C-alpha cells in the first residue's frame, strides 16, 4: 500500500508515518475484545 502511495509522489516522512498508523489500526479492527460475561453467574474463565 505504501509503495503505491509513494509512486504518486510528494509524500514526506510524516505522511508515511500517519499512513502506517492508519493501516496498522485497520489490521486490528473488527474483533470482539471484551471478556465474556455470563447472564447467570458465575462467569467461568
ModelCIF file with pLDDT and N, C-alpha, C, O atoms, coordinates in Angstrom:
data_MODEL
#
_entry.id   MODEL 
#
_entity.id                         1 
_entity.type                       polymer 
_entity.pdbx_number_of_molecules   1 
#
_entity_poly.entity_id                      1 
_entity_poly.type                           'polypeptide(L)' 
_entity_poly.nstd_linkage                   no 
_entity_poly.nstd_monomer                   no 
_entity_poly.pdbx_seq_one_letter_code       
;(UNK)(UNK)(UNK)(UNK)(UNK)(UNK)(UNK)(UNK)(UNK)(UNK)(UNK)(UNK)(UNK)(UNK)(UNK)(UNK)
(UNK)(UNK)(UNK)(UNK)(UNK)(UNK)(UNK)(UNK)(UNK)(UNK)(UNK)(UNK)(UNK)(UNK)(UNK)(UNK)
(UNK)(UNK)(UNK)(UNK)(UNK)(UNK)(UNK)(UNK)(UNK)(UNK)(UNK)(UNK)(UNK)
;
_entity_poly.pdbx_seq_one_letter_code_can   XXXXXXXXXXXXXXXXXXXXXXXXXXXXXXXXXXXXXXXXXXXXX 
_entity_poly.pdbx_strand_id                 A 
#
loop_
_entity_poly_seq.entity_id 
_entity_poly_seq.num 
_entity_poly_seq.mon_id 
_entity_poly_seq.hetero 
1 1  UNK n 
1 2  UNK n 
1 3  UNK n 
1 4  UNK n 
1 5  UNK n 
1 6  UNK n 
1 7  UNK n 
1 8  UNK n 
1 9  UNK n 
1 10 UNK n 
1 11 UNK n 
1 12 UNK n 
1 13 UNK n 
1 14 UNK n 
1 15 UNK n 
1 16 UNK n 
1 17 UNK n 
1 18 UNK n 
1 19 UNK n 
1 20 UNK n 
1 21 UNK n 
1 22 UNK n 
1 23 UNK n 
1 24 UNK n 
1 25 UNK n 
1 26 UNK n 
1 27 UNK n 
1 28 UNK n 
1 29 UNK n 
1 30 UNK n 
1 31 UNK n 
1 32 UNK n 
1 33 UNK n 
1 34 UNK n 
1 35 UNK n 
1 36 UNK n 
1 37 UNK n 
1 38 UNK n 
1 39 UNK n 
1 40 UNK n 
1 41 UNK n 
1 42 UNK n 
1 43 UNK n 
1 44 UNK n 
1 45 UNK n 
#
_struct_asym.id          A 
_struct_asym.entity_id   1 
#
loop_
_ma_qa_metric.id 
_ma_qa_metric.mode 
_ma_qa_metric.name 
_ma_qa_metric.software_group_id 
_ma_qa_metric.type 
1 global pLDDT . pLDDT 
2 local  pLDDT . pLDDT 
#
_ma_qa_metric_global.metric_id      1 
_ma_qa_metric_global.metric_value   87.96 
_ma_qa_metric_global.model_id       1 
_ma_qa_metric_global.ordinal_id     1 
#
loop_
_ma_qa_metric_local.label_asym_id 
_ma_qa_metric_local.label_comp_id 
_ma_qa_metric_local.label_seq_id 
_ma_qa_metric_local.metric_id 
_ma_qa_metric_local.metric_value 
_ma_qa_metric_local.model_id 
_ma_qa_metric_local.ordinal_id 
A UNK 1  2 85.00 1 1  
A UNK 2  2 85.00 1 2  
A UNK 3  2 86.00 1 3  
A UNK 4  2 83.00 1 4  
A UNK 5  2 79.00 1 5  
A UNK 6  2 79.00 1 6  
A UNK 7  2 77.00 1 7  
A UNK 8  2 74.00 1 8  
A UNK 9  2 70.00 1 9  
A UNK 10 2 65.00 1 10 
A UNK 11 2 74.00 1 11 
A UNK 12 2 78.00 1 12 
A UNK 13 2 80.00 1 13 
A UNK 14 2 82.00 1 14 
A UNK 15 2 84.00 1 15 
A UNK 16 2 84.00 1 16 
A UNK 17 2 86.00 1 17 
A UNK 18 2 88.00 1 18 
A UNK 19 2 87.00 1 19 
A UNK 20 2 89.00 1 20 
A UNK 21 2 90.00 1 21 
A UNK 22 2 92.00 1 22 
A UNK 23 2 91.00 1 23 
A UNK 24 2 92.00 1 24 
A UNK 25 2 93.00 1 25 
A UNK 26 2 93.00 1 26 
A UNK 27 2 92.00 1 27 
A UNK 28 2 94.00 1 28 
A UNK 29 2 92.00 1 29 
A UNK 30 2 91.00 1 30 
A UNK 31 2 93.00 1 31 
A UNK 32 2 93.00 1 32 
A UNK 33 2 94.00 1 33 
A UNK 34 2 93.00 1 34 
A UNK 35 2 94.00 1 35 
A UNK 36 2 94.00 1 36 
A UNK 37 2 94.00 1 37 
A UNK 38 2 95.00 1 38 
A UNK 39 2 92.00 1 39 
A UNK 40 2 94.00 1 40 
A UNK 41 2 95.00 1 41 
A UNK 42 2 98.00 1 42 
A UNK 43 2 98.00 1 43 
A UNK 44 2 98.00 1 44 
A UNK 45 2 98.00 1 45 
#
loop_
_atom_site.group_PDB 
_atom_site.id 
_atom_site.type_symbol 
_atom_site.label_atom_id 
_atom_site.label_alt_id 
_atom_site.label_comp_id 
_atom_site.label_asym_id 
_atom_site.label_entity_id 
_atom_site.label_seq_id 
_atom_site.pdbx_PDB_ins_code 
_atom_site.Cartn_x 
_atom_site.Cartn_y 
_atom_site.Cartn_z 
_atom_site.occupancy 
_atom_site.B_iso_or_equiv 
_atom_site.pdbx_formal_charge 
_atom_site.auth_seq_id 
_atom_site.auth_comp_id 
_atom_site.auth_asym_id 
_atom_site.auth_atom_id 
_atom_site.pdbx_PDB_model_num 
ATOM 1   N N  . UNK A 1 1  ? 0.829   -1.204  0.000  1.00 85.00 ? 1  UNK A N  1 
ATOM 2   C CA . UNK A 1 1  ? 0.000   0.000   0.000  1.00 85.00 ? 1  UNK A CA 1 
ATOM 3   C C  . UNK A 1 1  ? 0.870   1.262   0.000  1.00 85.00 ? 1  UNK A C  1 
ATOM 4   O O  . UNK A 1 1  ? 0.588   2.219   -0.721 1.00 85.00 ? 1  UNK A O  1 
ATOM 5   N N  . UNK A 1 2  ? 1.929   1.252   0.817  1.00 85.00 ? 2  UNK A N  1 
ATOM 6   C CA . UNK A 1 2  ? 2.806   2.424   0.910  1.00 85.00 ? 2  UNK A CA 1 
ATOM 7   C C  . UNK A 1 2  ? 3.567   2.652   -0.396 1.00 85.00 ? 2  UNK A C  1 
ATOM 8   O O  . UNK A 1 2  ? 3.779   3.793   -0.805 1.00 85.00 ? 2  UNK A O  1 
ATOM 9   N N  . UNK A 1 3  ? 3.969   1.581   -1.034 1.00 86.00 ? 3  UNK A N  1 
ATOM 10  C CA . UNK A 1 3  ? 4.686   1.735   -2.313 1.00 86.00 ? 3  UNK A CA 1 
ATOM 11  C C  . UNK A 1 3  ? 3.794   2.410   -3.353 1.00 86.00 ? 3  UNK A C  1 
ATOM 12  O O  . UNK A 1 3  ? 4.249   3.256   -4.122 1.00 86.00 ? 3  UNK A O  1 
ATOM 13  N N  . UNK A 1 4  ? 2.529   2.027   -3.365 1.00 83.00 ? 4  UNK A N  1 
ATOM 14  C CA . UNK A 1 4  ? 1.598   2.654   -4.303 1.00 83.00 ? 4  UNK A CA 1 
ATOM 15  C C  . UNK A 1 4  ? 1.460   4.146   -4.012 1.00 83.00 ? 4  UNK A C  1 
ATOM 16  O O  . UNK A 1 4  ? 1.407   4.966   -4.929 1.00 83.00 ? 4  UNK A O  1 
ATOM 17  N N  . UNK A 1 5  ? 1.402   4.484   -2.731 1.00 79.00 ? 5  UNK A N  1 
ATOM 18  C CA . UNK A 1 5  ? 1.248   5.887   -2.351 1.00 79.00 ? 5  UNK A CA 1 
ATOM 19  C C  . UNK A 1 5  ? 2.503   6.693   -2.695 1.00 79.00 ? 5  UNK A C  1 
ATOM 20  O O  . UNK A 1 5  ? 2.411   7.828   -3.163 1.00 79.00 ? 5  UNK A O  1 
ATOM 21  N N  . UNK A 1 6  ? 3.677   6.094   -2.457 1.00 79.00 ? 6  UNK A N  1 
ATOM 22  C CA . UNK A 1 6  ? 4.938   6.775   -2.758 1.00 79.00 ? 6  UNK A CA 1 
ATOM 23  C C  . UNK A 1 6  ? 5.096   6.992   -4.253 1.00 79.00 ? 6  UNK A C  1 
ATOM 24  O O  . UNK A 1 6  ? 5.654   8.002   -4.682 1.00 79.00 ? 6  UNK A O  1 
ATOM 25  N N  . UNK A 1 7  ? 4.604   6.044   -5.051 1.00 77.00 ? 7  UNK A N  1 
ATOM 26  C CA . UNK A 1 7  ? 4.723   6.144   -6.507 1.00 77.00 ? 7  UNK A CA 1 
ATOM 27  C C  . UNK A 1 7  ? 4.013   7.378   -7.055 1.00 77.00 ? 7  UNK A C  1 
ATOM 28  O O  . UNK A 1 7  ? 4.374   7.913   -8.102 1.00 77.00 ? 7  UNK A O  1 
ATOM 29  N N  . UNK A 1 8  ? 2.991   7.814   -6.314 1.00 74.00 ? 8  UNK A N  1 
ATOM 30  C CA . UNK A 1 8  ? 2.260   9.005   -6.758 1.00 74.00 ? 8  UNK A CA 1 
ATOM 31  C C  . UNK A 1 8  ? 3.033   10.280  -6.474 1.00 74.00 ? 8  UNK A C  1 
ATOM 32  O O  . UNK A 1 8  ? 2.708   11.344  -7.001 1.00 74.00 ? 8  UNK A O  1 
ATOM 33  N N  . UNK A 1 9  ? 4.077   10.166  -5.621 1.00 70.00 ? 9  UNK A N  1 
ATOM 34  C CA . UNK A 1 9  ? 4.989   11.284  -5.387 1.00 70.00 ? 9  UNK A CA 1 
ATOM 35  C C  . UNK A 1 9  ? 4.533   12.277  -4.330 1.00 70.00 ? 9  UNK A C  1 
ATOM 36  O O  . UNK A 1 9  ? 3.355   12.338  -3.978 1.00 70.00 ? 9  UNK A O  1 
ATOM 37  N N  . UNK A 1 10 ? 5.487   13.053  -3.832 1.00 65.00 ? 10 UNK A N  1 
ATOM 38  C CA . UNK A 1 10 ? 5.193   14.168  -2.940 1.00 65.00 ? 10 UNK A CA 1 
ATOM 39  C C  . UNK A 1 10 ? 5.013   13.835  -1.477 1.00 65.00 ? 10 UNK A C  1 
ATOM 40  O O  . UNK A 1 10 ? 4.683   14.723  -0.691 1.00 65.00 ? 10 UNK A O  1 
ATOM 41  N N  . UNK A 1 11 ? 5.213   12.603  -1.082 1.00 74.00 ? 11 UNK A N  1 
ATOM 42  C CA . UNK A 1 11 ? 4.999   12.245  0.311  1.00 74.00 ? 11 UNK A CA 1 
ATOM 43  C C  . UNK A 1 11 ? 6.218   12.567  1.159  1.00 74.00 ? 11 UNK A C  1 
ATOM 44  O O  . UNK A 1 11 ? 7.353   12.332  0.743  1.00 74.00 ? 11 UNK A O  1 
ATOM 45  N N  . UNK A 1 12 ? 5.981   13.103  2.342  1.00 78.00 ? 12 UNK A N  1 
ATOM 46  C CA . UNK A 1 12 ? 7.016   13.319  3.335  1.00 78.00 ? 12 UNK A CA 1 
ATOM 47  C C  . UNK A 1 12 ? 6.962   12.189  4.355  1.00 78.00 ? 12 UNK A C  1 
ATOM 48  O O  . UNK A 1 12 ? 6.001   11.421  4.408  1.00 78.00 ? 12 UNK A O  1 
ATOM 49  N N  . UNK A 1 13 ? 8.014   12.105  5.161  1.00 80.00 ? 13 UNK A N  1 
ATOM 50  C CA . UNK A 1 13 ? 8.078   11.064  6.165  1.00 80.00 ? 13 UNK A CA 1 
ATOM 51  C C  . UNK A 1 13 ? 6.891   11.065  7.099  1.00 80.00 ? 13 UNK A C  1 
ATOM 52  O O  . UNK A 1 13 ? 6.365   10.009  7.452  1.00 80.00 ? 13 UNK A O  1 
ATOM 53  N N  . UNK A 1 14 ? 6.462   12.271  7.505  1.00 82.00 ? 14 UNK A N  1 
ATOM 54  C CA . UNK A 1 14 ? 5.325   12.358  8.437  1.00 82.00 ? 14 UNK A CA 1 
ATOM 55  C C  . UNK A 1 14 ? 4.053   11.798  7.801  1.00 82.00 ? 14 UNK A C  1 
ATOM 56  O O  . UNK A 1 14 ? 3.210   11.229  8.493  1.00 82.00 ? 14 UNK A O  1 
ATOM 57  N N  . UNK A 1 15 ? 3.916   11.960  6.480  1.00 84.00 ? 15 UNK A N  1 
ATOM 58  C CA . UNK A 1 15 ? 2.744   11.418  5.789  1.00 84.00 ? 15 UNK A CA 1 
ATOM 59  C C  . UNK A 1 15 ? 2.755   9.892   5.813  1.00 84.00 ? 15 UNK A C  1 
ATOM 60  O O  . UNK A 1 15 ? 1.718   9.256   6.001  1.00 84.00 ? 15 UNK A O  1 
ATOM 61  N N  . UNK A 1 16 ? 3.925   9.321   5.623  1.00 84.00 ? 16 UNK A N  1 
ATOM 62  C CA . UNK A 1 16 ? 4.058   7.868   5.613  1.00 84.00 ? 16 UNK A CA 1 
ATOM 63  C C  . UNK A 1 16 ? 3.798   7.293   7.004  1.00 84.00 ? 16 UNK A C  1 
ATOM 64  O O  . UNK A 1 16 ? 3.167   6.245   7.144  1.00 84.00 ? 16 UNK A O  1 
ATOM 65  N N  . UNK A 1 17 ? 4.292   7.990   8.031  1.00 86.00 ? 17 UNK A N  1 
ATOM 66  C CA . UNK A 1 17 ? 4.075   7.520   9.407  1.00 86.00 ? 17 UNK A CA 1 
ATOM 67  C C  . UNK A 1 17 ? 2.591   7.524   9.744  1.00 86.00 ? 17 UNK A C  1 
ATOM 68  O O  . UNK A 1 17 ? 2.090   6.593   10.374 1.00 86.00 ? 17 UNK A O  1 
ATOM 69  N N  . UNK A 1 18 ? 1.895   8.564   9.327  1.00 88.00 ? 18 UNK A N  1 
ATOM 70  C CA . UNK A 1 18 ? 0.456   8.640   9.592  1.00 88.00 ? 18 UNK A CA 1 
ATOM 71  C C  . UNK A 1 18 ? -0.287  7.552   8.810  1.00 88.00 ? 18 UNK A C  1 
ATOM 72  O O  . UNK A 1 18 ? -1.221  6.936   9.323  1.00 88.00 ? 18 UNK A O  1 
ATOM 73  N N  . UNK A 1 19 ? 0.135   7.327   7.578  1.00 87.00 ? 19 UNK A N  1 
ATOM 74  C CA . UNK A 1 19 ? -0.482  6.273   6.775  1.00 87.00 ? 19 UNK A CA 1 
ATOM 75  C C  . UNK A 1 19 ? -0.197  4.902   7.390  1.00 87.00 ? 19 UNK A C  1 
ATOM 76  O O  . UNK A 1 19 ? -1.062  4.026   7.405  1.00 87.00 ? 19 UNK A O  1 
ATOM 77  N N  . UNK A 1 20 ? 1.009   4.729   7.889  1.00 89.00 ? 20 UNK A N  1 
ATOM 78  C CA . UNK A 1 20 ? 1.368   3.481   8.560  1.00 89.00 ? 20 UNK A CA 1 
ATOM 79  C C  . UNK A 1 20 ? 0.483   3.261   9.775  1.00 89.00 ? 20 UNK A C  1 
ATOM 80  O O  . UNK A 1 20 ? -0.007  2.155   10.001 1.00 89.00 ? 20 UNK A O  1 
ATOM 81  N N  . UNK A 1 21 ? 0.281   4.309   10.553 1.00 90.00 ? 21 UNK A N  1 
ATOM 82  C CA . UNK A 1 21 ? -0.579  4.200   11.735 1.00 90.00 ? 21 UNK A CA 1 
ATOM 83  C C  . UNK A 1 21 ? -1.983  3.747   11.336 1.00 90.00 ? 21 UNK A C  1 
ATOM 84  O O  . UNK A 1 21 ? -2.544  2.836   11.945 1.00 90.00 ? 21 UNK A O  1 
ATOM 85  N N  . UNK A 1 22 ? -2.545  4.385   10.312 1.00 92.00 ? 22 UNK A N  1 
ATOM 86  C CA . UNK A 1 22 ? -3.900  4.035   9.869  1.00 92.00 ? 22 UNK A CA 1 
ATOM 87  C C  . UNK A 1 22 ? -3.985  2.575   9.443  1.00 92.00 ? 22 UNK A C  1 
ATOM 88  O O  . UNK A 1 22 ? -4.946  1.881   9.777  1.00 92.00 ? 22 UNK A O  1 
ATOM 89  N N  . UNK A 1 23 ? -2.984  2.109   8.707  1.00 91.00 ? 23 UNK A N  1 
ATOM 90  C CA . UNK A 1 23 ? -3.023  0.737   8.207  1.00 91.00 ? 23 UNK A CA 1 
ATOM 91  C C  . UNK A 1 23 ? -2.842  -0.285  9.336  1.00 91.00 ? 23 UNK A C  1 
ATOM 92  O O  . UNK A 1 23 ? -3.462  -1.348  9.316  1.00 91.00 ? 23 UNK A O  1 
ATOM 93  N N  . UNK A 1 24 ? -2.008  0.031   10.300 1.00 92.00 ? 24 UNK A N  1 
ATOM 94  C CA . UNK A 1 24 ? -1.818  -0.871  11.435 1.00 92.00 ? 24 UNK A CA 1 
ATOM 95  C C  . UNK A 1 24 ? -3.100  -0.994  12.256 1.00 92.00 ? 24 UNK A C  1 
ATOM 96  O O  . UNK A 1 24 ? -3.478  -2.093  12.662 1.00 92.00 ? 24 UNK A O  1 
ATOM 97  N N  . UNK A 1 25 ? -3.762  0.127   12.497 1.00 93.00 ? 25 UNK A N  1 
ATOM 98  C CA . UNK A 1 25 ? -5.018  0.094   13.255 1.00 93.00 ? 25 UNK A CA 1 
ATOM 99  C C  . UNK A 1 25 ? -6.067  -0.713  12.495 1.00 93.00 ? 25 UNK A C  1 
ATOM 100 O O  . UNK A 1 25 ? -6.798  -1.506  13.088 1.00 93.00 ? 25 UNK A O  1 
ATOM 101 N N  . UNK A 1 26 ? -6.136  -0.506  11.182 1.00 93.00 ? 26 UNK A N  1 
ATOM 102 C CA . UNK A 1 26 ? -7.111  -1.235  10.364 1.00 93.00 ? 26 UNK A CA 1 
ATOM 103 C C  . UNK A 1 26 ? -6.924  -2.747  10.474 1.00 93.00 ? 26 UNK A C  1 
ATOM 104 O O  . UNK A 1 26 ? -7.901  -3.496  10.478 1.00 93.00 ? 26 UNK A O  1 
ATOM 105 N N  . UNK A 1 27 ? -5.669  -3.197  10.564 1.00 92.00 ? 27 UNK A N  1 
ATOM 106 C CA . UNK A 1 27 ? -5.399  -4.638  10.646 1.00 92.00 ? 27 UNK A CA 1 
ATOM 107 C C  . UNK A 1 27 ? -5.951  -5.248  11.930 1.00 92.00 ? 27 UNK A C  1 
ATOM 108 O O  . UNK A 1 27 ? -6.168  -6.458  12.001 1.00 92.00 ? 27 UNK A O  1 
ATOM 109 N N  . UNK A 1 28 ? -6.179  -4.416  12.942 1.00 94.00 ? 28 UNK A N  1 
ATOM 110 C CA . UNK A 1 28 ? -6.598  -4.919  14.255 1.00 94.00 ? 28 UNK A CA 1 
ATOM 111 C C  . UNK A 1 28 ? -8.079  -4.673  14.552 1.00 94.00 ? 28 UNK A C  1 
ATOM 112 O O  . UNK A 1 28 ? -8.579  -5.089  15.596 1.00 94.00 ? 28 UNK A O  1 
ATOM 113 N N  . UNK A 1 29 ? -8.766  -4.011  13.654 1.00 92.00 ? 29 UNK A N  1 
ATOM 114 C CA . UNK A 1 29 ? -10.161 -3.665  13.923 1.00 92.00 ? 29 UNK A CA 1 
ATOM 115 C C  . UNK A 1 29 ? -11.105 -4.823  13.576 1.00 92.00 ? 29 UNK A C  1 
ATOM 116 O O  . UNK A 1 29 ? -10.752 -5.762  12.863 1.00 92.00 ? 29 UNK A O  1 
ATOM 117 N N  . UNK A 1 30 ? -12.332 -4.706  14.123 1.00 91.00 ? 30 UNK A N  1 
ATOM 118 C CA . UNK A 1 30 ? -13.383 -5.646  13.766 1.00 91.00 ? 30 UNK A CA 1 
ATOM 119 C C  . UNK A 1 30 ? -13.442 -6.905  14.598 1.00 91.00 ? 30 UNK A C  1 
ATOM 120 O O  . UNK A 1 30 ? -14.127 -7.858  14.227 1.00 91.00 ? 30 UNK A O  1 
ATOM 121 N N  . UNK A 1 31 ? -12.725 -6.932  15.739 1.00 93.00 ? 31 UNK A N  1 
ATOM 122 C CA . UNK A 1 31 ? -12.747 -8.119  16.599 1.00 93.00 ? 31 UNK A CA 1 
ATOM 123 C C  . UNK A 1 31 ? -13.332 -7.768  17.967 1.00 93.00 ? 31 UNK A C  1 
ATOM 124 O O  . UNK A 1 31 ? -13.162 -6.656  18.466 1.00 93.00 ? 31 UNK A O  1 
ATOM 125 N N  . UNK A 1 32 ? -14.022 -8.737  18.557 1.00 93.00 ? 32 UNK A N  1 
ATOM 126 C CA . UNK A 1 32 ? -14.581 -8.551  19.891 1.00 93.00 ? 32 UNK A CA 1 
ATOM 127 C C  . UNK A 1 32 ? -13.489 -8.772  20.929 1.00 93.00 ? 32 UNK A C  1 
ATOM 128 O O  . UNK A 1 32 ? -12.977 -9.885  21.054 1.00 93.00 ? 32 UNK A O  1 
ATOM 129 N N  . UNK A 1 33 ? -13.129 -7.749  21.666 1.00 94.00 ? 33 UNK A N  1 
ATOM 130 C CA . UNK A 1 33 ? -12.030 -7.840  22.629 1.00 94.00 ? 33 UNK A CA 1 
ATOM 131 C C  . UNK A 1 33 ? -12.502 -7.776  24.084 1.00 94.00 ? 33 UNK A C  1 
ATOM 132 O O  . UNK A 1 33 ? -11.681 -7.718  24.999 1.00 94.00 ? 33 UNK A O  1 
ATOM 133 N N  . UNK A 1 34 ? -13.782 -7.785  24.295 1.00 93.00 ? 34 UNK A N  1 
ATOM 134 C CA . UNK A 1 34 ? -14.301 -7.753  25.663 1.00 93.00 ? 34 UNK A CA 1 
ATOM 135 C C  . UNK A 1 34 ? -14.326 -9.168  26.239 1.00 93.00 ? 34 UNK A C  1 
ATOM 136 O O  . UNK A 1 34 ? -14.527 -10.140 25.511 1.00 93.00 ? 34 UNK A O  1 
ATOM 137 N N  . UNK A 1 35 ? -14.123 -9.271  27.541 1.00 94.00 ? 35 UNK A N  1 
ATOM 138 C CA . UNK A 1 35 ? -14.233 -10.569 28.203 1.00 94.00 ? 35 UNK A CA 1 
ATOM 139 C C  . UNK A 1 35 ? -15.708 -10.915 28.371 1.00 94.00 ? 35 UNK A C  1 
ATOM 140 O O  . UNK A 1 35 ? -16.527 -10.063 28.715 1.00 94.00 ? 35 UNK A O  1 
ATOM 141 N N  . UNK A 1 36 ? -16.023 -12.159 28.126 1.00 94.00 ? 36 UNK A N  1 
ATOM 142 C CA . UNK A 1 36 ? -17.418 -12.603 28.189 1.00 94.00 ? 36 UNK A CA 1 
ATOM 143 C C  . UNK A 1 36 ? -17.971 -12.491 29.607 1.00 94.00 ? 36 UNK A C  1 
ATOM 144 O O  . UNK A 1 36 ? -17.244 -12.622 30.592 1.00 94.00 ? 36 UNK A O  1 
ATOM 145 N N  . UNK A 1 37 ? -19.263 -12.247 29.682 1.00 94.00 ? 37 UNK A N  1 
ATOM 146 C CA . UNK A 1 37 ? -19.971 -12.202 30.961 1.00 94.00 ? 37 UNK A CA 1 
ATOM 147 C C  . UNK A 1 37 ? -21.216 -13.076 30.841 1.00 94.00 ? 37 UNK A C  1 
ATOM 148 O O  . UNK A 1 37 ? -22.049 -12.864 29.960 1.00 94.00 ? 37 UNK A O  1 
ATOM 149 N N  . UNK A 1 38 ? -21.338 -14.049 31.723 1.00 95.00 ? 38 UNK A N  1 
ATOM 150 C CA . UNK A 1 38 ? -22.497 -14.928 31.706 1.00 95.00 ? 38 UNK A CA 1 
ATOM 151 C C  . UNK A 1 38 ? -23.730 -14.195 32.238 1.00 95.00 ? 38 UNK A C  1 
ATOM 152 O O  . UNK A 1 38 ? -23.634 -13.429 33.197 1.00 95.00 ? 38 UNK A O  1 
ATOM 153 N N  . UNK A 1 39 ? -24.877 -14.430 31.620 1.00 92.00 ? 39 UNK A N  1 
ATOM 154 C CA . UNK A 1 39 ? -26.115 -13.815 32.109 1.00 92.00 ? 39 UNK A CA 1 
ATOM 155 C C  . UNK A 1 39 ? -26.447 -14.309 33.506 1.00 92.00 ? 39 UNK A C  1 
ATOM 156 O O  . UNK A 1 39 ? -27.043 -13.590 34.309 1.00 92.00 ? 39 UNK A O  1 
ATOM 157 N N  . UNK A 1 40 ? -26.054 -15.552 33.788 1.00 94.00 ? 40 UNK A N  1 
ATOM 158 C CA . UNK A 1 40 ? -26.285 -16.135 35.111 1.00 94.00 ? 40 UNK A CA 1 
ATOM 159 C C  . UNK A 1 40 ? -24.931 -16.464 35.741 1.00 94.00 ? 40 UNK A C  1 
ATOM 160 O O  . UNK A 1 40 ? -24.258 -17.386 35.280 1.00 94.00 ? 40 UNK A O  1 
ATOM 161 N N  . UNK A 1 41 ? -24.509 -15.731 36.792 1.00 95.00 ? 41 UNK A N  1 
ATOM 162 C CA . UNK A 1 41 ? -23.217 -16.018 37.429 1.00 95.00 ? 41 UNK A CA 1 
ATOM 163 C C  . UNK A 1 41 ? -23.169 -17.455 37.940 1.00 95.00 ? 41 UNK A C  1 
ATOM 164 O O  . UNK A 1 41 ? -24.207 -18.042 38.247 1.00 95.00 ? 41 UNK A O  1 
ATOM 165 N N  . UNK A 1 42 ? -21.956 -18.026 38.030 1.00 98.00 ? 42 UNK A N  1 
ATOM 166 C CA . UNK A 1 42 ? -20.668 -17.361 37.793 1.00 98.00 ? 42 UNK A CA 1 
ATOM 167 C C  . UNK A 1 42 ? -20.237 -17.381 36.324 1.00 98.00 ? 42 UNK A C  1 
ATOM 168 O O  . UNK A 1 42 ? -20.568 -18.299 35.574 1.00 98.00 ? 42 UNK A O  1 
ATOM 169 N N  . UNK A 1 43 ? -19.496 -16.351 35.939 1.00 98.00 ? 43 UNK A N  1 
ATOM 170 C CA . UNK A 1 43 ? -18.786 -16.381 34.666 1.00 98.00 ? 43 UNK A CA 1 
ATOM 171 C C  . UNK A 1 43 ? -17.518 -17.192 34.881 1.00 98.00 ? 43 UNK A C  1 
ATOM 172 O O  . UNK A 1 43 ? -16.781 -16.959 35.840 1.00 98.00 ? 43 UNK A O  1 
ATOM 173 N N  . UNK A 1 44 ? -17.265 -18.140 33.996 1.00 98.00 ? 44 UNK A N  1 
ATOM 174 C CA . UNK A 1 44 ? -16.102 -19.011 34.148 1.00 98.00 ? 44 UNK A CA 1 
ATOM 175 C C  . UNK A 1 44 ? -15.060 -18.666 33.084 1.00 98.00 ? 44 UNK A C  1 
ATOM 176 O O  . UNK A 1 44 ? -15.343 -18.673 31.886 1.00 98.00 ? 44 UNK A O  1 
ATOM 177 N N  . UNK A 1 45 ? -13.852 -18.364 33.553 1.00 98.00 ? 45 UNK A N  1 
ATOM 178 C CA . UNK A 1 45 ? -12.734 -18.062 32.651 1.00 98.00 ? 45 UNK A CA 1 
ATOM 179 C C  . UNK A 1 45 ? -11.656 -19.118 32.848 1.00 98.00 ? 45 UNK A C  1 
ATOM 180 O O  . UNK A 1 45 ? -10.616 -19.068 32.192 1.00 98.00 ? 45 UNK A O  1 
#
